[in-house]
Amino acid sequence: MKTTEFIRKVEMLGVTTVKKDKTILHIKRHGMEAANVSLKKTSYFQICGKLPRRLLNLIVDYAVTDVSERDDD
């Protein structure tokens, strides 16, 4: 899954936002940290609490995507 596609799908869930820095996507729900996903490593992510199944599935789908396949360029 491409990074822009992942961000779009997550933000379509309504109360969820994504902030991107150089190495990590920071995912927030209701203004609180919900998860972090590495932009540099495959299958490297952290869940910071209970999440709706749909959001969790999106995070896992993106996290297991090979880094070379995430590029939007």
Protein backbone atom coordinates (compact mmCIF):
# COMPACT_ATOMS: atom_id res chain seq x y z
CA MET A 1 0.00 0.00 0.00
CA LYS A 2 1.33 3.44 -0.90
CA THR A 3 1.89 5.92 1.94
CA THR A 4 -0.52 8.53 0.54
CA GLU A 5 -3.20 5.86 0.08
CA PHE A 6 -2.72 4.71 3.69
CA ILE A 7 -2.96 8.26 5.07
CA ARG A 8 -6.10 8.95 3.00
CA LYS A 9 -7.81 5.75 4.19
CA VAL A 10 -6.93 6.40 7.84
CA GLU A 11 -8.12 10.00 7.75
CA MET A 12 -11.41 8.90 6.11
CA LEU A 13 -12.23 7.19 9.41
CA GLY A 14 -13.14 10.67 10.69
CA VAL A 15 -11.56 11.16 14.10
CA THR A 16 -8.13 9.93 13.05
CA THR A 17 -5.21 12.07 11.84
CA VAL A 18 -1.75 11.17 10.59
CA LYS A 19 1.40 13.25 11.02
CA LYS A 20 4.42 12.25 8.95
CA ASP A 21 8.01 12.95 9.92
CA LYS A 22 11.23 11.58 8.39
CA THR A 23 10.99 8.07 9.82
CA ILE A 24 7.56 7.56 11.43
CA LEU A 25 3.86 8.05 10.79
CA HIS A 26 2.16 9.23 14.00
CA ILE A 27 -1.50 8.21 14.10
CA LYS A 28 -3.83 10.03 16.50
CA ARG A 29 -7.46 9.36 17.42
CA HIS A 30 -9.46 12.01 19.27
CA GLY A 31 -6.20 13.99 19.63
CA MET A 32 -4.37 11.18 21.47
CA GLU A 33 -1.51 9.01 20.21
CA ALA A 34 -3.00 5.75 18.87
CA ALA A 35 -0.16 4.17 16.90
CA ASN A 36 3.19 4.72 15.21
CA VAL A 37 4.37 3.08 12.00
CA SER A 38 7.93 3.11 10.69
CA LEU A 39 8.51 4.53 7.22
CA LYS A 40 11.94 2.87 7.03
CA LYS A 41 11.30 -0.69 8.30
CA THR A 42 8.77 -3.30 7.24
CA SER A 43 6.54 -4.74 10.00
CA TYR A 44 7.74 -2.20 12.57
CA PHE A 45 4.84 -0.49 14.34
CA GLN A 46 3.50 0.28 17.81
CA ILE A 47 -0.10 0.31 19.00
CA CYS A 48 -0.77 2.64 21.94
CA GLY A 49 -4.18 1.37 23.07
CA LYS A 50 -7.40 -0.20 21.90
CA LEU A 51 -8.24 0.55 18.27
CA PRO A 52 -11.22 -0.18 16.06
CA ARG A 53 -10.61 -3.31 13.99
CA ARG A 54 -10.78 -1.38 10.70
CA LEU A 55 -8.01 1.00 11.78
CA LEU A 56 -5.89 -1.82 13.17
CA ASN A 57 -6.25 -3.76 9.91
CA LEU A 58 -5.17 -0.70 7.89
CA ILE A 59 -2.11 -0.22 10.10
CA VAL A 60 -1.08 -3.87 9.81
CA ASP A 61 -1.68 -3.93 6.03
CA TYR A 62 0.54 -0.87 5.60
CA ALA A 63 3.20 -2.04 8.07
CA VAL A 64 3.70 -5.39 6.30
CA THR A 65 3.98 -3.73 2.88
CA ASP A 66 7.61 -3.81 1.75
CA VAL A 67 9.22 -0.37 2.13
CA SER A 68 10.13 -0.30 -1.57
CA GLU A 69 6.44 -0.65 -2.49
CA ARG A 70 5.30 2.26 -0.27
CA ASP A 71 7.00 5.00 -2.29
CA ASP A 72 4.68 7.45 -3.99
CA ASP A 73 7.29 8.80 -6.40
